[in-house]
C-alpha atoms as a PDB file:
ATOM      1  CA  UNK A   1      53.474   9.329 -19.271  1.00  0.00           C
ATOM      2  CA  UNK A   2      52.726   5.712 -20.153  1.00  0.00           C
ATOM      3  CA  UNK A   3      49.097   6.513 -21.017  1.00  0.00           C
ATOM      4  CA  UNK A   4      50.103   9.463 -23.214  1.00  0.00           C
ATOM      5  CA  UNK A   5      52.575   7.303 -25.124  1.00  0.00           C
ATOM      6  CA  UNK A   6      49.907   4.633 -25.604  1.00  0.00           C
ATOM      7  CA  UNK A   7      47.611   7.212 -27.158  1.00  0.00           C
ATOM      8  CA  UNK A   8      50.396   8.583 -29.358  1.00  0.00           C
ATOM      9  CA  UNK A   9      51.457   5.149 -30.601  1.00  0.00           C
ATOM     10  CA  UNK A  10      47.870   4.290 -31.544  1.00  0.00           C
ATOM     11  CA  UNK A  11      47.880   7.162 -34.057  1.00  0.00           C
ATOM     12  CA  UNK A  12      51.564   7.041 -35.055  1.00  0.00           C
ATOM     13  CA  UNK A  13      52.742   5.991 -38.554  1.00  0.00           C
ATOM     14  CA  UNK A  14      52.559   2.230 -39.157  1.00  0.00           C
ATOM     15  CA  UNK A  15      56.334   1.860 -39.410  1.00  0.00           C
ATOM     16  CA  UNK A  16      56.678   2.734 -35.712  1.00  0.00           C
ATOM     17  CA  UNK A  17      56.151  -0.540 -33.881  1.00  0.00           C
ATOM     18  CA  UNK A  18      57.605   0.032 -30.426  1.00  0.00           C
ATOM     19  CA  UNK A  19      58.483   2.719 -27.883  1.00  0.00           C
ATOM     20  CA  UNK A  20      61.025   2.141 -25.137  1.00  0.00           C
ATOM     21  CA  UNK A  21      61.468   4.151 -21.954  1.00  0.00           C
ATOM     22  CA  UNK A  22      64.644   3.775 -19.919  1.00  0.00           C
ATOM     23  CA  UNK A  23      64.559   5.013 -16.325  1.00  0.00           C
ATOM     24  CA  UNK A  24      67.965   6.282 -15.255  1.00  0.00           C
ATOM     25  CA  UNK A  25      69.304   8.192 -12.284  1.00  0.00           C
ATOM     26  CA  UNK A  26      70.500  10.988 -14.586  1.00  0.00           C
ATOM     27  CA  UNK A  27      69.623  11.143 -18.254  1.00  0.00           C
ATOM     28  CA  UNK A  28      72.263  13.651 -19.469  1.00  0.00           C
ATOM     29  CA  UNK A  29      69.881  14.752 -22.212  1.00  0.00           C
ATOM     30  CA  UNK A  30      69.975  18.314 -23.668  1.00  0.00           C
ATOM     31  CA  UNK A  31      67.146  19.663 -21.432  1.00  0.00           C
ATOM     32  CA  UNK A  32      69.276  18.884 -18.379  1.00  0.00           C
ATOM     33  CA  UNK A  33      71.862  21.366 -19.608  1.00  0.00           C
ATOM     34  CA  UNK A  34      69.139  23.982 -20.125  1.00  0.00           C
ATOM     35  CA  UNK A  35      67.840  23.451 -16.595  1.00  0.00           C
ATOM     36  CA  UNK A  36      71.348  23.766 -15.193  1.00  0.00           C
ATOM     37  CA  UNK A  37      72.048  27.018 -17.042  1.00  0.00           C
ATOM     38  CA  UNK A  38      68.700  28.479 -15.988  1.00  0.00           C
ATOM     39  CA  UNK A  39      69.252  27.546 -12.350  1.00  0.00           C
ATOM     40  CA  UNK A  40      72.666  29.235 -12.398  1.00  0.00           C
ATOM     41  CA  UNK A  41      71.158  32.450 -13.771  1.00  0.00           C
ATOM     42  CA  UNK A  42      68.412  32.527 -11.149  1.00  0.00           C
ATOM     43  CA  UNK A  43      70.881  31.993  -8.310  1.00  0.00           C
ATOM     44  CA  UNK A  44      72.951  34.983  -9.459  1.00  0.00           C
ATOM     45  CA  UNK A  45      69.961  37.329  -9.389  1.00  0.00           C
ATOM     46  CA  UNK A  46      69.905  39.661  -6.383  1.00  0.00           C
ATOM     47  CA  UNK A  47      66.110  39.976  -6.249  1.00  0.00           C
ATOM     48  CA  UNK A  48      63.209  37.548  -6.004  1.00  0.00           C
ATOM     49  CA  UNK A  49      61.233  37.214  -9.214  1.00  0.00           C
ATOM     50  CA  UNK A  50      57.529  37.769  -8.564  1.00  0.00           C
ATOM     51  CA  UNK A  51      56.242  38.223 -12.112  1.00  0.00           C
ATOM     52  CA  UNK A  52      55.969  35.066 -14.267  1.00  0.00           C
ATOM     53  CA  UNK A  53      56.906  37.087 -17.380  1.00  0.00           C
ATOM     54  CA  UNK A  54      60.299  37.769 -15.813  1.00  0.00           C
ATOM     55  CA  UNK A  55      60.859  34.019 -15.662  1.00  0.00           C
ATOM     56  CA  UNK A  56      60.041  33.834 -19.373  1.00  0.00           C
ATOM     57  CA  UNK A  57      62.792  36.371 -20.016  1.00  0.00           C
ATOM     58  CA  UNK A  58      65.319  34.211 -18.161  1.00  0.00           C
ATOM     59  CA  UNK A  59      64.129  31.005 -19.829  1.00  0.00           C
ATOM     60  CA  UNK A  60      64.340  32.568 -23.299  1.00  0.00           C
ATOM     61  CA  UNK A  61      68.108  32.923 -22.954  1.00  0.00           C
ATOM     62  CA  UNK A  62      68.448  29.130 -23.017  1.00  0.00           C
ATOM     63  CA  UNK A  63      65.741  28.146 -25.504  1.00  0.00           C
ATOM     64  CA  UNK A  64      62.337  28.880 -26.955  1.00  0.00           C
ATOM     65  CA  UNK A  65      59.615  29.426 -24.360  1.00  0.00           C
ATOM     66  CA  UNK A  66      56.231  27.714 -24.750  1.00  0.00           C
ATOM     67  CA  UNK A  67      53.488  28.883 -22.411  1.00  0.00           C
ATOM     68  CA  UNK A  68      51.286  26.266 -20.788  1.00  0.00           C
ATOM     69  CA  UNK A  69      47.686  26.483 -21.951  1.00  0.00           C
ATOM     70  CA  UNK A  70      48.475  29.137 -24.569  1.00  0.00           C
ATOM     71  CA  UNK A  71      50.930  27.624 -27.028  1.00  0.00           C
ATOM     72  CA  UNK A  72      49.594  24.110 -26.455  1.00  0.00           C
ATOM     73  CA  UNK A  73      46.508  22.729 -24.682  1.00  0.00           C
ATOM     74  CA  UNK A  74      46.560  21.047 -21.294  1.00  0.00           C
ATOM     75  CA  UNK A  75      44.660  17.744 -21.391  1.00  0.00           C
ATOM     76  CA  UNK A  76      43.048  15.960 -18.459  1.00  0.00           C
ATOM     77  CA  UNK A  77      44.815  12.601 -18.845  1.00  0.00           C
ATOM     78  CA  UNK A  78      44.105  11.534 -15.269  1.00  0.00           C
ATOM     79  CA  UNK A  79      40.340  11.517 -15.746  1.00  0.00           C
ATOM     80  CA  UNK A  80      40.420  10.052 -19.254  1.00  0.00           C
ATOM     81  CA  UNK A  81      42.360   6.923 -18.258  1.00  0.00           C
ATOM     82  CA  UNK A  82      40.403   6.028 -15.116  1.00  0.00           C
ATOM     83  CA  UNK A  83      37.692   4.038 -16.936  1.00  0.00           C
ATOM     84  CA  UNK A  84      39.986   2.635 -19.645  1.00  0.00           C
ATOM     85  CA  UNK A  85      43.383   1.711 -18.138  1.00  0.00           C
ATOM     86  CA  UNK A  86      43.936  -0.743 -15.296  1.00  0.00           C
ATOM     87  CA  UNK A  87      45.247   0.628 -11.975  1.00  0.00           C
ATOM     88  CA  UNK A  88      48.976   0.958 -11.434  1.00  0.00           C
ATOM     89  CA  UNK A  89      49.153  -2.534  -9.852  1.00  0.00           C
ATOM     90  CA  UNK A  90      49.634  -4.502 -13.075  1.00  0.00           C
ATOM     91  CA  UNK A  91      51.496  -7.535 -14.384  1.00  0.00           C
ATOM     92  CA  UNK A  92      54.801  -5.753 -13.721  1.00  0.00           C
ATOM     93  CA  UNK A  93      55.985  -3.492 -10.898  1.00  0.00           C
ATOM     94  CA  UNK A  94      55.662  -0.024 -12.382  1.00  0.00           C
ATOM     95  CA  UNK A  95      57.326   1.841  -9.496  1.00  0.00           C
ATOM     96  CA  UNK A  96      60.582  -0.139  -9.700  1.00  0.00           C
ATOM     97  CA  UNK A  97      60.711  -0.709 -13.462  1.00  0.00           C
ATOM     98  CA  UNK A  98      63.977   0.387 -15.089  1.00  0.00           C
ATOM     99  CA  UNK A  99      62.693  -0.215 -18.614  1.00  0.00           C
ATOM    100  CA  UNK A 100      59.178   0.049 -20.071  1.00  0.00           C
ATOM    101  CA  UNK A 101      58.213  -1.029 -23.570  1.00  0.00           C
ATOM    102  CA  UNK A 102      55.003  -0.091 -25.417  1.00  0.00           C
ATOM    103  CA  UNK A 103      54.452  -2.263 -28.492  1.00  0.00           C
ATOM    104  CA  UNK A 104      51.926  -2.310 -31.303  1.00  0.00           C
ATOM    105  CA  UNK A 105      51.394  -5.976 -32.118  1.00  0.00           C
ATOM    106  CA  UNK A 106      48.735  -7.153 -34.594  1.00  0.00           C
ATOM    107  CA  UNK A 107      46.570  -4.126 -33.844  1.00  0.00           C
ATOM    108  CA  UNK A 108      46.923  -4.498 -30.076  1.00  0.00           C
ATOM    109  CA  UNK A 109      48.851  -2.212 -27.729  1.00  0.00           C
ATOM    110  CA  UNK A 110      50.956  -4.126 -25.212  1.00  0.00           C
ATOM    111  CA  UNK A 111      52.970  -2.819 -22.282  1.00  0.00           C
ATOM    112  CA  UNK A 112      55.819  -4.557 -20.497  1.00  0.00           C
ATOM    113  CA  UNK A 113      58.163  -3.571 -17.702  1.00  0.00           C
ATOM    114  CA  UNK A 114      61.490  -4.900 -16.486  1.00  0.00           C
ATOM    115  CA  UNK A 115      62.987  -4.295 -13.068  1.00  0.00           C
ATOM    116  CA  UNK A 116      66.494  -4.504 -14.504  1.00  0.00           C
ATOM    117  CA  UNK A 117      68.116  -3.081 -17.622  1.00  0.00           C
ATOM    118  CA  UNK A 118      67.156  -6.018 -19.846  1.00  0.00           C
ATOM    119  CA  UNK A 119      65.294  -4.475 -22.738  1.00  0.00           C
ATOM    120  CA  UNK A 120      65.248  -7.672 -24.789  1.00  0.00           C
ATOM    121  CA  UNK A 121      63.210  -9.487 -22.145  1.00  0.00           C
ATOM    122  CA  UNK A 122      60.493  -6.828 -21.871  1.00  0.00           C
ATOM    123  CA  UNK A 123      58.553  -7.973 -24.920  1.00  0.00           C
ATOM    124  CA  UNK A 124      58.021 -11.434 -23.404  1.00  0.00           C
ATOM    125  CA  UNK A 125      56.392  -9.735 -20.398  1.00  0.00           C
ATOM    126  CA  UNK A 126      54.207  -7.406 -22.467  1.00  0.00           C
ATOM    127  CA  UNK A 127      50.459  -7.598 -21.889  1.00  0.00           C
ATOM    128  CA  UNK A 128      47.403  -5.429 -22.344  1.00  0.00           C
ATOM    129  CA  UNK A 129      46.803  -2.778 -19.669  1.00  0.00           C
ATOM    130  CA  UNK A 130      43.237  -2.028 -20.737  1.00  0.00           C
ATOM    131  CA  UNK A 131      40.211  -2.922 -18.665  1.00  0.00           C
ATOM    132  CA  UNK A 132      37.840  -5.596 -19.966  1.00  0.00           C
ATOM    133  CA  UNK A 133      35.889  -4.336 -22.971  1.00  0.00           C
ATOM    134  CA  UNK A 134      37.905  -1.096 -23.170  1.00  0.00           C
ATOM    135  CA  UNK A 135      40.239   0.160 -25.899  1.00  0.00           C
ATOM    136  CA  UNK A 136      42.494   3.122 -26.617  1.00  0.00           C
ATOM    137  CA  UNK A 137      39.818   4.726 -28.801  1.00  0.00           C
ATOM    138  CA  UNK A 138      37.659   5.214 -25.686  1.00  0.00           C
ATOM    139  CA  UNK A 139      40.340   7.336 -24.028  1.00  0.00           C
ATOM    140  CA  UNK A 140      39.478  10.923 -24.871  1.00  0.00           C
ATOM    141  CA  UNK A 141      41.038  13.717 -22.863  1.00  0.00           C
ATOM    142  CA  UNK A 142      39.234  16.998 -22.292  1.00  0.00           C
ATOM    143  CA  UNK A 143      41.090  20.303 -22.383  1.00  0.00           C
ATOM    144  CA  UNK A 144      41.683  21.878 -18.975  1.00  0.00           C
ATOM    145  CA  UNK A 145      41.045  25.602 -19.145  1.00  0.00           C
ATOM    146  CA  UNK A 146      43.264  28.055 -17.288  1.00  0.00           C
ATOM    147  CA  UNK A 147      42.144  28.644 -13.717  1.00  0.00           C
ATOM    148  CA  UNK A 148      39.778  25.673 -13.616  1.00  0.00           C
ATOM    149  CA  UNK A 149      41.981  23.625 -11.281  1.00  0.00           C
ATOM    150  CA  UNK A 150      41.606  24.667  -7.663  1.00  0.00           C
ATOM    151  CA  UNK A 151      44.773  25.378  -5.681  1.00  0.00           C
ATOM    152  CA  UNK A 152      45.029  23.512  -2.376  1.00  0.00           C
ATOM    153  CA  UNK A 153      44.031  25.527   0.673  1.00  0.00           C
ATOM    154  CA  UNK A 154      47.344  24.797   2.441  1.00  0.00           C
ATOM    155  CA  UNK A 155      49.364  26.052  -0.532  1.00  0.00           C
ATOM    156  CA  UNK A 156      47.338  29.268  -0.724  1.00  0.00           C
ATOM    157  CA  UNK A 157      47.927  29.849   2.982  1.00  0.00           C
ATOM    158  CA  UNK A 158      51.686  29.364   2.550  1.00  0.00           C
ATOM    159  CA  UNK A 159      51.794  31.801  -0.384  1.00  0.00           C
ATOM    160  CA  UNK A 160      49.805  34.378   1.556  1.00  0.00           C
ATOM    161  CA  UNK A 161      52.133  34.089   4.558  1.00  0.00           C
ATOM    162  CA  UNK A 162      55.289  34.386   2.449  1.00  0.00           C
ATOM    163  CA  UNK A 163      54.047  37.426   0.540  1.00  0.00           C
ATOM    164  CA  UNK A 164      52.802  39.108   3.704  1.00  0.00           C
ATOM    165  CA  UNK A 165      56.124  38.471   5.438  1.00  0.00           C
ATOM    166  CA  UNK A 166      58.180  39.836   2.533  1.00  0.00           C
ATOM    167  CA  UNK A 167      56.025  42.750   1.357  1.00  0.00           C
ATOM    168  CA  UNK A 168      54.031  43.610   4.469  1.00  0.00           C
ATOM    169  CA  UNK A 169      50.352  43.554   5.358  1.00  0.00           C
ATOM    170  CA  UNK A 170      49.463  46.053   2.612  1.00  0.00           C
ATOM    171  CA  UNK A 171      50.845  43.858  -0.190  1.00  0.00           C
ATOM    172  CA  UNK A 172      47.447  43.876  -1.924  1.00  0.00           C
ATOM    173  CA  UNK A 173      48.201  47.438  -3.036  1.00  0.00           C
ATOM    174  CA  UNK A 174      51.360  46.298  -4.860  1.00  0.00           C
ATOM    175  CA  UNK A 175      50.612  46.238  -8.610  1.00  0.00           C
ATOM    176  CA  UNK A 176      53.418  43.730  -9.202  1.00  0.00           C
ATOM    177  CA  UNK A 177      51.573  41.182  -7.046  1.00  0.00           C
ATOM    178  CA  UNK A 178      48.252  41.334  -8.878  1.00  0.00           C
ATOM    179  CA  UNK A 179      48.647  37.698 -10.052  1.00  0.00           C
ATOM    180  CA  UNK A 180      48.703  36.374  -6.479  1.00  0.00           C
ATOM    181  CA  UNK A 181      45.906  38.724  -5.471  1.00  0.00           C
ATOM    182  CA  UNK A 182      43.679  37.373  -8.254  1.00  0.00           C
ATOM    183  CA  UNK A 183      44.443  33.738  -7.394  1.00  0.00           C
ATOM    184  CA  UNK A 184      43.624  34.223  -3.712  1.00  0.00           C
ATOM    185  CA  UNK A 185      40.506  36.225  -4.519  1.00  0.00           C
ATOM    186  CA  UNK A 186      39.272  33.637  -7.038  1.00  0.00           C
ATOM    187  CA  UNK A 187      39.769  30.870  -4.474  1.00  0.00           C
ATOM    188  CA  UNK A 188      37.826  32.846  -1.875  1.00  0.00           C
ATOM    189  CA  UNK A 189      34.933  33.513  -4.263  1.00  0.00           C
ATOM    190  CA  UNK A 190      34.843  29.861  -5.292  1.00  0.00           C
ATOM    191  CA  UNK A 191      34.674  28.775  -1.659  1.00  0.00           C
ATOM    192  CA  UNK A 192      31.852  31.236  -0.938  1.00  0.00           C
ATOM    193  CA  UNK A 193      29.986  30.041  -4.033  1.00  0.00           C
ATOM    194  CA  UNK A 194      30.241  26.388  -2.967  1.00  0.00           C
ATOM    195  CA  UNK A 195      29.066  27.267   0.536  1.00  0.00           C
ATOM    196  CA  UNK A 196      26.125  29.212  -0.895  1.00  0.00           C
ATOM    197  CA  UNK A 197      25.120  26.286  -3.116  1.00  0.00           C
ATOM    198  CA  UNK A 198      25.269  23.926  -0.138  1.00  0.00           C
ATOM    199  CA  UNK A 199      22.988  26.193   1.886  1.00  0.00           C
ATOM    200  CA  UNK A 200      20.526  26.507  -1.001  1.00  0.00           C
ATOM    201  CA  UNK A 201      20.403  22.728  -1.290  1.00  0.00           C
ATOM    202  CA  UNK A 202      19.702  22.344   2.395  1.00  0.00           C
ATOM    203  CA  UNK A 203      16.833  24.819   2.230  1.00  0.00           C
ATOM    204  CA  UNK A 204      14.849  22.569  -0.117  1.00  0.00           C
ATOM    205  CA  UNK A 205      11.129  22.791   0.661  1.00  0.00           C
ATOM    206  CA  UNK A 206       8.351  20.564  -0.638  1.00  0.00           C
ATOM    207  CA  UNK A 207       4.818  21.179   0.616  1.00  0.00           C
ATOM    208  CA  UNK A 208       3.250  18.067  -0.875  1.00  0.00           C
ATOM    209  CA  UNK A 209       5.338  15.742   1.260  1.00  0.00           C
ATOM    210  CA  UNK A 210       5.000  17.924   4.384  1.00  0.00           C
ATOM    211  CA  UNK A 211       8.792  17.771   4.661  1.00  0.00           C
ATOM    212  CA  UNK A 212      10.693  20.875   5.779  1.00  0.00           C
ATOM    213  CA  UNK A 213      14.496  20.911   5.689  1.00  0.00           C
ATOM    214  CA  UNK A 214      16.362  23.879   7.127  1.00  0.00           C
ATOM    215  CA  UNK A 215      20.127  24.010   6.802  1.00  0.00           C
ATOM    216  CA  UNK A 216      21.664  21.636   9.373  1.00  0.00           C
ATOM    217  CA  UNK A 217      18.427  20.376  10.908  1.00  0.00           C
ATOM    218  CA  UNK A 218      15.252  18.792   9.592  1.00  0.00           C
ATOM    219  CA  UNK A 219      11.669  18.633  10.840  1.00  0.00           C
ATOM    220  CA  UNK A 220       9.083  16.138   9.678  1.00  0.00           C
ATOM    221  CA  UNK A 221       5.568  17.462  10.120  1.00  0.00           C
ATOM    222  CA  UNK A 222       2.659  15.066  10.324  1.00  0.00           C
END
């Protein structure tokens, strides 16, 4: 979140000088009410929703639905900040900070954090969070395309077990479960592809060096 706000402030109108984030136990902001209403509706439903579009129908009763990756792009912020922003261990304790201030000061972006609710004192603690020789202009996030992020093996196993337990061993024939079928199949194909590439790499053969490498073993001929 901090990195995204840094990027936004760098391109924001000049009259915006500072952004403040207050960490509270409960924010009581309008989205909280939407979440509460949605949760109540889902609890009253007698069946388990298995189609994501059915969730959209429920969500639309409380507000406008925006689909991830369709209505707005998903950016890879994690990768883009690794070579620009300092690690989380900075001049203030990020994990316990109750207030965080991002300030634009004489062309520089400064970040400060306060462990207590003392917003006025944050500016005195504000410092740069960029690595030496780096700037916000070097932070460029690539768009993450749908399906490009691999699902963890353990999570796929849990999903498979739950679906099999609820719908039976022949759940692959259920048209309503095609989403889960495609995800599991794509993961399996990806795994097979990676294994195939690894085997091809190990079978590298170069006559000129008299070096023969076969899968898990190697022989040097003289």
